[in-house]
Amino acid sequence: RSELEGIYKEITDPLEAISGDNEEINELLKKMDLAKDWVKKKFTSMQSKREWVQYVDEASGLPYYCSLTTGETSWMKPKDYSVDPSVFEYQVEAEHELILKEEELKDKERELKMREQKLKETKSKEQKEALDLINIGTSVLSRLHQYSCVTMDQIKNLPN
């Protein structure tokens, strides 16, 4: 609550110093007083209603709950509880780590896709070379066959 009072003073003191007979500033200061009182009541009401506070176990990352009145801790979520600010900090840290891991995974995925593309290109190149060799081989065999047929014809036509 003292933090609330400090923030309130930081805002209102300079306004009070310049307010004088300025109705708009005086009206604003009255509204700020009402808002401060409302926040205090809500905060007090929340604190009295919420015996349990949620924290995060740093080792496991799981939430646990602590009773402010008895000091008892539990892994089971109570019906009514408040959340310690450290939980939000932990969640922000966890989300940041998750984003970094997602970026790392995306980088690895891109790298794998590039490797896959290179492998396809290499495989395609090797397949093309193999097909070229098959075509050359077929052409050579075809010429050999033609040569052998011509040679056989020439042998048949030789005089006895």
N, C-alpha and C. Protein backbone atom coordinates (compact mmCIF):
# COMPACT_ATOMS: atom_id res chain seq x y z
N ARG A 1 0.82 -1.20 0.00
CA ARG A 1 0.00 0.00 0.00
C ARG A 1 0.86 1.26 0.00
N SER A 2 2.02 1.18 0.61
CA SER A 2 2.88 2.37 0.64
C SER A 2 3.36 2.71 -0.76
N GLU A 3 3.50 1.71 -1.61
CA GLU A 3 3.89 1.97 -3.00
C GLU A 3 2.79 2.75 -3.70
N LEU A 4 1.54 2.37 -3.43
CA LEU A 4 0.40 3.08 -4.00
C LEU A 4 0.40 4.54 -3.53
N GLU A 5 0.64 4.74 -2.24
CA GLU A 5 0.68 6.10 -1.69
C GLU A 5 1.80 6.91 -2.36
N GLY A 6 2.95 6.28 -2.56
CA GLY A 6 4.08 6.96 -3.20
C GLY A 6 3.76 7.39 -4.62
N ILE A 7 3.14 6.49 -5.37
CA ILE A 7 2.76 6.81 -6.75
C ILE A 7 1.72 7.92 -6.76
N TYR A 8 0.78 7.81 -5.84
CA TYR A 8 -0.28 8.82 -5.74
C TYR A 8 0.33 10.20 -5.47
N LYS A 9 1.27 10.26 -4.54
CA LYS A 9 1.91 11.54 -4.19
C LYS A 9 2.71 12.11 -5.36
N GLU A 10 3.40 11.21 -6.09
CA GLU A 10 4.18 11.67 -7.25
C GLU A 10 3.30 12.35 -8.28
N ILE A 11 2.08 11.88 -8.40
CA ILE A 11 1.16 12.45 -9.39
C ILE A 11 0.46 13.69 -8.85
N THR A 12 -0.01 13.59 -7.62
CA THR A 12 -0.87 14.67 -7.12
C THR A 12 -0.11 15.88 -6.59
N ASP A 13 1.06 15.71 -6.00
CA ASP A 13 1.79 16.86 -5.44
C ASP A 13 2.05 17.95 -6.48
N PRO A 14 2.59 17.61 -7.65
CA PRO A 14 2.80 18.67 -8.65
C PRO A 14 1.48 19.31 -9.10
N LEU A 15 0.42 18.50 -9.18
CA LEU A 15 -0.87 19.05 -9.59
C LEU A 15 -1.41 20.01 -8.53
N GLU A 16 -1.27 19.62 -7.26
CA GLU A 16 -1.74 20.51 -6.18
C GLU A 16 -0.96 21.81 -6.16
N ALA A 17 0.33 21.75 -6.49
CA ALA A 17 1.17 22.94 -6.48
C ALA A 17 0.72 23.94 -7.54
N ILE A 18 0.19 23.47 -8.64
CA ILE A 18 -0.21 24.40 -9.71
C ILE A 18 -1.72 24.60 -9.80
N SER A 19 -2.48 23.88 -8.96
CA SER A 19 -3.94 23.91 -9.12
C SER A 19 -4.55 25.27 -8.83
N GLY A 20 -4.19 25.90 -7.72
CA GLY A 20 -4.77 27.20 -7.36
C GLY A 20 -6.27 27.16 -7.47
N ASP A 21 -6.84 28.06 -8.29
CA ASP A 21 -8.29 28.13 -8.48
C ASP A 21 -8.74 27.38 -9.74
N ASN A 22 -7.83 26.60 -10.34
CA ASN A 22 -8.16 25.89 -11.57
C ASN A 22 -9.13 24.75 -11.26
N GLU A 23 -10.38 24.92 -11.71
CA GLU A 23 -11.43 23.95 -11.40
C GLU A 23 -11.17 22.58 -12.02
N GLU A 24 -10.62 22.56 -13.23
CA GLU A 24 -10.36 21.28 -13.90
C GLU A 24 -9.35 20.45 -13.12
N ILE A 25 -8.27 21.09 -12.66
CA ILE A 25 -7.24 20.36 -11.91
C ILE A 25 -7.80 19.92 -10.57
N ASN A 26 -8.56 20.78 -9.90
CA ASN A 26 -9.15 20.42 -8.60
C ASN A 26 -10.14 19.25 -8.76
N GLU A 27 -10.91 19.27 -9.83
CA GLU A 27 -11.84 18.17 -10.10
C GLU A 27 -11.07 16.87 -10.35
N LEU A 28 -9.97 16.97 -11.10
CA LEU A 28 -9.12 15.80 -11.37
C LEU A 28 -8.54 15.25 -10.07
N LEU A 29 -8.09 16.14 -9.17
CA LEU A 29 -7.54 15.70 -7.88
C LEU A 29 -8.60 14.98 -7.05
N LYS A 30 -9.86 15.46 -7.08
CA LYS A 30 -10.93 14.80 -6.35
C LYS A 30 -11.16 13.39 -6.90
N LYS A 31 -11.16 13.27 -8.24
CA LYS A 31 -11.36 11.96 -8.88
C LYS A 31 -10.20 11.01 -8.54
N MET A 32 -9.01 11.58 -8.46
CA MET A 32 -7.85 10.75 -8.13
C MET A 32 -7.94 10.25 -6.69
N ASP A 33 -8.45 11.11 -5.79
CA ASP A 33 -8.66 10.67 -4.40
C ASP A 33 -9.65 9.51 -4.35
N LEU A 34 -10.75 9.64 -5.10
CA LEU A 34 -11.76 8.58 -5.13
C LEU A 34 -11.15 7.29 -5.70
N ALA A 35 -10.35 7.43 -6.76
CA ALA A 35 -9.72 6.26 -7.38
C ALA A 35 -8.75 5.59 -6.40
N LYS A 36 -7.98 6.41 -5.67
CA LYS A 36 -7.04 5.85 -4.69
C LYS A 36 -7.78 5.10 -3.60
N ASP A 37 -8.87 5.68 -3.10
CA ASP A 37 -9.66 5.00 -2.07
C ASP A 37 -10.24 3.69 -2.60
N TRP A 38 -10.73 3.71 -3.84
CA TRP A 38 -11.31 2.50 -4.45
C TRP A 38 -10.25 1.41 -4.58
N VAL A 39 -9.05 1.77 -5.04
CA VAL A 39 -7.96 0.80 -5.18
C VAL A 39 -7.59 0.23 -3.82
N LYS A 40 -7.49 1.07 -2.80
CA LYS A 40 -7.17 0.59 -1.45
C LYS A 40 -8.21 -0.41 -0.96
N LYS A 41 -9.50 -0.09 -1.15
CA LYS A 41 -10.56 -0.99 -0.71
C LYS A 41 -10.48 -2.32 -1.45
N LYS A 42 -10.29 -2.25 -2.77
CA LYS A 42 -10.20 -3.49 -3.57
C LYS A 42 -9.01 -4.32 -3.13
N PHE A 43 -7.88 -3.66 -2.92
CA PHE A 43 -6.67 -4.37 -2.53
C PHE A 43 -6.88 -5.05 -1.17
N THR A 44 -7.42 -4.31 -0.21
CA THR A 44 -7.68 -4.86 1.12
C THR A 44 -8.67 -6.01 1.03
N SER A 45 -9.69 -5.83 0.22
CA SER A 45 -10.71 -6.87 0.05
C SER A 45 -10.08 -8.12 -0.57
N MET A 46 -9.25 -7.93 -1.58
CA MET A 46 -8.59 -9.07 -2.23
C MET A 46 -7.68 -9.79 -1.26
N GLN A 47 -6.92 -9.03 -0.48
CA GLN A 47 -5.98 -9.65 0.45
C GLN A 47 -6.72 -10.45 1.52
N SER A 48 -7.84 -9.90 1.98
CA SER A 48 -8.55 -10.62 3.05
C SER A 48 -9.26 -11.85 2.50
N LYS A 49 -9.74 -11.79 1.26
CA LYS A 49 -10.43 -12.92 0.66
C LYS A 49 -9.46 -14.04 0.29
N ARG A 50 -8.30 -13.70 -0.10
CA ARG A 50 -7.38 -14.69 -0.65
C ARG A 50 -6.35 -15.12 0.38
N GLU A 51 -6.64 -16.23 0.99
CA GLU A 51 -5.72 -16.79 1.97
C GLU A 51 -4.55 -17.47 1.26
N TRP A 52 -4.79 -17.99 0.05
CA TRP A 52 -3.79 -18.75 -0.68
C TRP A 52 -3.14 -17.91 -1.78
N VAL A 53 -1.86 -18.13 -1.98
CA VAL A 53 -1.11 -17.44 -3.03
C VAL A 53 -0.44 -18.48 -3.91
N GLN A 54 -0.52 -18.26 -5.21
CA GLN A 54 0.12 -19.18 -6.17
C GLN A 54 1.55 -18.72 -6.42
N TYR A 55 2.48 -19.68 -6.38
CA TYR A 55 3.88 -19.46 -6.73
C TYR A 55 4.26 -20.50 -7.78
N VAL A 56 5.48 -20.41 -8.30
CA VAL A 56 5.96 -21.41 -9.26
C VAL A 56 7.20 -22.07 -8.67
N ASP A 57 7.19 -23.40 -8.67
CA ASP A 57 8.34 -24.17 -8.25
C ASP A 57 9.39 -24.06 -9.36
N GLU A 58 10.54 -23.46 -9.05
CA GLU A 58 11.55 -23.21 -10.07
C GLU A 58 12.14 -24.50 -10.63
N ALA A 59 12.23 -25.53 -9.82
CA ALA A 59 12.83 -26.79 -10.29
C ALA A 59 11.95 -27.48 -11.33
N SER A 60 10.63 -27.49 -11.10
CA SER A 60 9.73 -28.21 -12.01
C SER A 60 8.97 -27.29 -12.95
N GLY A 61 8.87 -26.00 -12.58
CA GLY A 61 8.08 -25.07 -13.38
C GLY A 61 6.58 -25.18 -13.13
N LEU A 62 6.20 -25.97 -12.14
CA LEU A 62 4.79 -26.19 -11.84
C LEU A 62 4.30 -25.22 -10.76
N PRO A 63 3.01 -24.87 -10.82
CA PRO A 63 2.48 -23.98 -9.79
C PRO A 63 2.25 -24.73 -8.48
N TYR A 64 2.47 -24.05 -7.38
CA TYR A 64 2.09 -24.58 -6.07
C TYR A 64 1.45 -23.44 -5.30
N TYR A 65 0.80 -23.77 -4.21
CA TYR A 65 0.00 -22.79 -3.48
C TYR A 65 0.41 -22.78 -2.01
N CYS A 66 0.42 -21.57 -1.45
CA CYS A 66 0.85 -21.40 -0.06
C CYS A 66 -0.23 -20.62 0.70
N SER A 67 -0.60 -21.13 1.87
CA SER A 67 -1.58 -20.44 2.71
C SER A 67 -0.86 -19.35 3.49
N LEU A 68 -1.37 -18.12 3.40
CA LEU A 68 -0.76 -17.00 4.12
C LEU A 68 -1.03 -17.09 5.62
N THR A 69 -2.10 -17.77 6.00
CA THR A 69 -2.44 -17.83 7.42
C THR A 69 -1.76 -18.99 8.13
N THR A 70 -1.65 -20.15 7.47
CA THR A 70 -1.08 -21.33 8.14
C THR A 70 0.34 -21.67 7.68
N GLY A 71 0.75 -21.13 6.51
CA GLY A 71 2.07 -21.47 5.98
C GLY A 71 2.07 -22.80 5.23
N GLU A 72 0.93 -23.47 5.19
CA GLU A 72 0.80 -24.76 4.49
C GLU A 72 1.01 -24.55 2.99
N THR A 73 1.66 -25.52 2.35
CA THR A 73 1.81 -25.48 0.89
C THR A 73 1.12 -26.70 0.29
N SER A 74 0.67 -26.52 -0.96
CA SER A 74 -0.05 -27.61 -1.63
C SER A 74 0.12 -27.50 -3.13
N TRP A 75 0.13 -28.66 -3.78
CA TRP A 75 0.16 -28.70 -5.24
C TRP A 75 -1.26 -28.57 -5.79
N MET A 76 -2.25 -28.81 -4.96
CA MET A 76 -3.65 -28.76 -5.38
C MET A 76 -4.14 -27.31 -5.39
N LYS A 77 -4.82 -26.94 -6.46
CA LYS A 77 -5.31 -25.56 -6.60
C LYS A 77 -6.48 -25.33 -5.65
N PRO A 78 -6.36 -24.32 -4.78
CA PRO A 78 -7.49 -24.02 -3.89
C PRO A 78 -8.59 -23.28 -4.66
N LYS A 79 -9.74 -23.17 -4.03
CA LYS A 79 -10.89 -22.53 -4.67
C LYS A 79 -10.60 -21.06 -4.98
N ASP A 80 -9.99 -20.37 -4.05
CA ASP A 80 -9.73 -18.94 -4.22
C ASP A 80 -8.28 -18.66 -3.88
N TYR A 81 -7.58 -18.00 -4.75
CA TYR A 81 -6.17 -17.69 -4.52
C TYR A 81 -5.77 -16.45 -5.31
N SER A 82 -4.67 -15.85 -4.91
CA SER A 82 -4.10 -14.74 -5.68
C SER A 82 -2.79 -15.24 -6.28
N VAL A 83 -2.28 -14.51 -7.23
CA VAL A 83 -1.06 -14.93 -7.91
C VAL A 83 0.07 -13.99 -7.51
N ASP A 84 1.17 -14.58 -7.05
CA ASP A 84 2.34 -13.79 -6.69
C ASP A 84 2.95 -13.19 -7.97
N PRO A 85 3.41 -11.94 -7.92
CA PRO A 85 4.01 -11.32 -9.11
C PRO A 85 5.16 -12.13 -9.72
N SER A 86 5.85 -12.90 -8.90
CA SER A 86 6.95 -13.70 -9.43
C SER A 86 6.46 -14.72 -10.47
N VAL A 87 5.18 -15.11 -10.36
CA VAL A 87 4.61 -16.06 -11.32
C VAL A 87 4.58 -15.42 -12.70
N PHE A 88 4.21 -14.14 -12.75
CA PHE A 88 4.16 -13.45 -14.03
C PHE A 88 5.56 -13.32 -14.62
N GLU A 89 6.53 -13.01 -13.76
CA GLU A 89 7.91 -12.92 -14.23
C GLU A 89 8.37 -14.27 -14.77
N TYR A 90 8.01 -15.34 -14.06
CA TYR A 90 8.38 -16.69 -14.49
C TYR A 90 7.73 -16.99 -15.84
N GLN A 91 6.46 -16.62 -15.98
CA GLN A 91 5.74 -16.88 -17.24
C GLN A 91 6.37 -16.11 -18.39
N VAL A 92 6.76 -14.87 -18.15
CA VAL A 92 7.41 -14.07 -19.19
C VAL A 92 8.73 -14.72 -19.59
N GLU A 93 9.51 -15.14 -18.58
CA GLU A 93 10.77 -15.83 -18.86
C GLU A 93 10.53 -17.11 -19.66
N ALA A 94 9.55 -17.88 -19.23
CA ALA A 94 9.24 -19.15 -19.90
C ALA A 94 8.79 -18.90 -21.34
N GLU A 95 7.97 -17.88 -21.55
CA GLU A 95 7.52 -17.56 -22.91
C GLU A 95 8.70 -17.11 -23.76
N HIS A 96 9.61 -16.33 -23.18
CA HIS A 96 10.80 -15.87 -23.90
C HIS A 96 11.65 -17.08 -24.31
N GLU A 97 11.86 -18.01 -23.38
CA GLU A 97 12.63 -19.21 -23.70
C GLU A 97 11.93 -20.03 -24.78
N LEU A 98 10.62 -20.10 -24.71
CA LEU A 98 9.85 -20.84 -25.71
C LEU A 98 10.01 -20.20 -27.09
N ILE A 99 9.96 -18.88 -27.14
CA ILE A 99 10.15 -18.17 -28.41
C ILE A 99 11.53 -18.45 -28.97
N LEU A 100 12.56 -18.41 -28.10
CA LEU A 100 13.92 -18.70 -28.56
C LEU A 100 14.02 -20.13 -29.10
N LYS A 101 13.40 -21.08 -28.39
CA LYS A 101 13.44 -22.47 -28.85
C LYS A 101 12.70 -22.64 -30.17
N GLU A 102 11.57 -21.93 -30.31
CA GLU A 102 10.83 -22.00 -31.57
C GLU A 102 11.67 -21.45 -32.72
N GLU A 103 12.37 -20.33 -32.47
CA GLU A 103 13.25 -19.76 -33.49
C GLU A 103 14.37 -20.74 -33.84
N GLU A 104 14.92 -21.38 -32.81
CA GLU A 104 15.98 -22.36 -33.02
C GLU A 104 15.46 -23.53 -33.86
N LEU A 105 14.25 -23.99 -33.55
CA LEU A 105 13.65 -25.09 -34.31
C LEU A 105 13.38 -24.67 -35.75
N LYS A 106 12.93 -23.44 -35.95
CA LYS A 106 12.69 -22.95 -37.31
C LYS A 106 13.99 -22.90 -38.09
N ASP A 107 15.07 -22.45 -37.43
CA ASP A 107 16.38 -22.42 -38.08
C ASP A 107 16.81 -23.82 -38.48
N LYS A 108 16.63 -24.77 -37.58
CA LYS A 108 17.00 -26.16 -37.88
C LYS A 108 16.14 -26.72 -39.01
N GLU A 109 14.86 -26.36 -38.99
CA GLU A 109 13.96 -26.81 -40.04
C GLU A 109 14.40 -26.26 -41.40
N ARG A 110 14.76 -24.96 -41.43
CA ARG A 110 15.26 -24.36 -42.67
C ARG A 110 16.52 -25.07 -43.14
N GLU A 111 17.42 -25.34 -42.19
CA GLU A 111 18.67 -26.03 -42.53
C GLU A 111 18.38 -27.42 -43.10
N LEU A 112 17.44 -28.14 -42.47
CA LEU A 112 17.08 -29.47 -42.97
C LEU A 112 16.46 -29.39 -44.37
N LYS A 113 15.63 -28.39 -44.60
CA LYS A 113 15.03 -28.22 -45.92
C LYS A 113 16.10 -27.93 -46.97
N MET A 114 17.07 -27.10 -46.60
CA MET A 114 18.16 -26.81 -47.53
C MET A 114 18.96 -28.07 -47.83
N ARG A 115 19.25 -28.86 -46.79
CA ARG A 115 19.98 -30.11 -46.98
C ARG A 115 19.18 -31.07 -47.87
N GLU A 116 17.86 -31.14 -47.61
CA GLU A 116 17.01 -32.00 -48.40
C GLU A 116 17.02 -31.56 -49.87
N GLN A 117 16.95 -30.23 -50.09
CA GLN A 117 16.98 -29.71 -51.46
C GLN A 117 18.30 -30.06 -52.14
N LYS A 118 19.41 -29.88 -51.41
CA LYS A 118 20.72 -30.22 -51.98
C LYS A 118 20.80 -31.71 -52.29
N LEU A 119 20.25 -32.52 -51.39
CA LEU A 119 20.26 -33.97 -51.61
C LEU A 119 19.44 -34.32 -52.85
N LYS A 120 18.27 -33.67 -52.99
CA LYS A 120 17.44 -33.90 -54.18
C LYS A 120 18.20 -33.49 -55.44
N GLU A 121 18.85 -32.31 -55.36
CA GLU A 121 19.61 -31.84 -56.51
C GLU A 121 20.74 -32.81 -56.84
N THR A 122 21.45 -33.27 -55.80
CA THR A 122 22.54 -34.22 -56.00
C THR A 122 22.00 -35.52 -56.57
N LYS A 123 20.91 -36.00 -55.98
CA LYS A 123 20.29 -37.24 -56.42
C LYS A 123 19.82 -37.08 -57.87
N SER A 124 19.20 -35.95 -58.15
CA SER A 124 18.72 -35.68 -59.49
C SER A 124 19.90 -35.63 -60.47
N LYS A 125 20.98 -35.00 -60.06
CA LYS A 125 22.17 -34.92 -60.90
C LYS A 125 22.74 -36.32 -61.14
N GLU A 126 22.82 -37.11 -60.08
CA GLU A 126 23.33 -38.47 -60.21
C GLU A 126 22.41 -39.32 -61.07
N GLN A 127 21.10 -39.14 -60.92
CA GLN A 127 20.15 -39.87 -61.76
C GLN A 127 20.31 -39.46 -63.23
N LYS A 128 20.49 -38.16 -63.45
CA LYS A 128 20.68 -37.68 -64.83
C LYS A 128 21.95 -38.28 -65.41
N GLU A 129 23.02 -38.29 -64.62
CA GLU A 129 24.27 -38.87 -65.09
C GLU A 129 24.10 -40.36 -65.38
N ALA A 130 23.34 -41.06 -64.52
CA ALA A 130 23.09 -42.49 -64.74
C ALA A 130 22.28 -42.69 -66.01
N LEU A 131 21.26 -41.86 -66.22
CA LEU A 131 20.47 -41.96 -67.45
C LEU A 131 21.32 -41.67 -68.68
N ASP A 132 22.20 -40.66 -68.56
CA ASP A 132 23.11 -40.35 -69.67
C ASP A 132 23.99 -41.56 -69.98
N LEU A 133 24.51 -42.21 -68.94
CA LEU A 133 25.35 -43.40 -69.15
C LEU A 133 24.55 -44.53 -69.78
N ILE A 134 23.30 -44.70 -69.34
CA ILE A 134 22.44 -45.73 -69.93
C ILE A 134 22.20 -45.41 -71.40
N ASN A 135 21.93 -44.15 -71.70
CA ASN A 135 21.70 -43.75 -73.10
C ASN A 135 22.94 -43.98 -73.95
N ILE A 136 24.11 -43.63 -73.40
CA ILE A 136 25.36 -43.86 -74.12
C ILE A 136 25.56 -45.35 -74.34
N GLY A 137 25.32 -46.13 -73.27
CA GLY A 137 25.45 -47.58 -73.38
C GLY A 137 24.50 -48.16 -74.42
N THR A 138 23.27 -47.68 -74.41
CA THR A 138 22.28 -48.14 -75.39
C THR A 138 22.72 -47.79 -76.80
N SER A 139 23.22 -46.58 -76.96
CA SER A 139 23.69 -46.14 -78.27
C SER A 139 24.85 -46.99 -78.74
N VAL A 140 25.79 -47.27 -77.84
CA VAL A 140 26.95 -48.11 -78.18
C VAL A 140 26.48 -49.51 -78.55
N LEU A 141 25.56 -50.08 -77.76
CA LEU A 141 25.05 -51.41 -78.05
C LEU A 141 24.32 -51.43 -79.39
N SER A 142 23.56 -50.38 -79.68
CA SER A 142 22.84 -50.29 -80.94
C SER A 142 23.82 -50.25 -82.10
N ARG A 143 24.89 -49.48 -81.98
CA ARG A 143 25.90 -49.40 -83.04
C ARG A 143 26.63 -50.73 -83.20
N LEU A 144 26.92 -51.37 -82.05
CA LEU A 144 27.58 -52.67 -82.13
C LEU A 144 26.69 -53.68 -82.84
N HIS A 145 25.39 -53.61 -82.53
CA HIS A 145 24.45 -54.50 -83.18
C HIS A 145 24.41 -54.24 -84.68
N GLN A 146 24.35 -52.93 -85.03
CA GLN A 146 24.34 -52.58 -86.46
C GLN A 146 25.63 -53.05 -87.13
N TYR A 147 26.75 -52.85 -86.45
CA TYR A 147 28.04 -53.27 -87.01
C TYR A 147 28.08 -54.77 -87.19
N SER A 148 27.56 -55.50 -86.17
CA SER A 148 27.57 -56.95 -86.28
C SER A 148 26.67 -57.41 -87.41
N CYS A 149 25.54 -56.76 -87.63
CA CYS A 149 24.63 -57.13 -88.72
C CYS A 149 25.30 -56.86 -90.06
N VAL A 150 25.96 -55.73 -90.18
CA VAL A 150 26.66 -55.39 -91.43
C VAL A 150 27.76 -56.39 -91.67
N THR A 151 28.47 -56.71 -90.63
CA THR A 151 29.58 -57.64 -90.76
C THR A 151 29.06 -59.00 -91.16
N MET A 152 27.95 -59.46 -90.62
CA MET A 152 27.37 -60.75 -90.96
C MET A 152 26.93 -60.74 -92.43
N ASP A 153 26.34 -59.61 -92.85
CA ASP A 153 25.93 -59.49 -94.26
C ASP A 153 27.14 -59.56 -95.18
N GLN A 154 28.19 -58.88 -94.74
CA GLN A 154 29.44 -58.89 -95.54
C GLN A 154 30.03 -60.29 -95.60
N ILE A 155 29.96 -61.01 -94.50
CA ILE A 155 30.50 -62.37 -94.47
C ILE A 155 29.68 -63.26 -95.41
N LYS A 156 28.36 -63.10 -95.41
CA LYS A 156 27.49 -63.90 -96.28
C LYS A 156 27.78 -63.62 -97.76
N ASN A 157 28.11 -62.40 -98.05
CA ASN A 157 28.31 -61.99 -99.44
C ASN A 157 29.76 -62.26 -99.92
N LEU A 158 30.55 -62.78 -99.08
CA LEU A 158 31.94 -63.09 -99.50
C LEU A 158 31.91 -64.23 -100.50
N PRO A 159 32.77 -64.16 -101.50
CA PRO A 159 32.80 -65.26 -102.47
C PRO A 159 33.39 -66.51 -101.82
N ASN A 160 32.95 -67.64 -102.24
CA ASN A 160 33.41 -68.92 -101.70
C ASN A 160 34.70 -69.29 -102.21
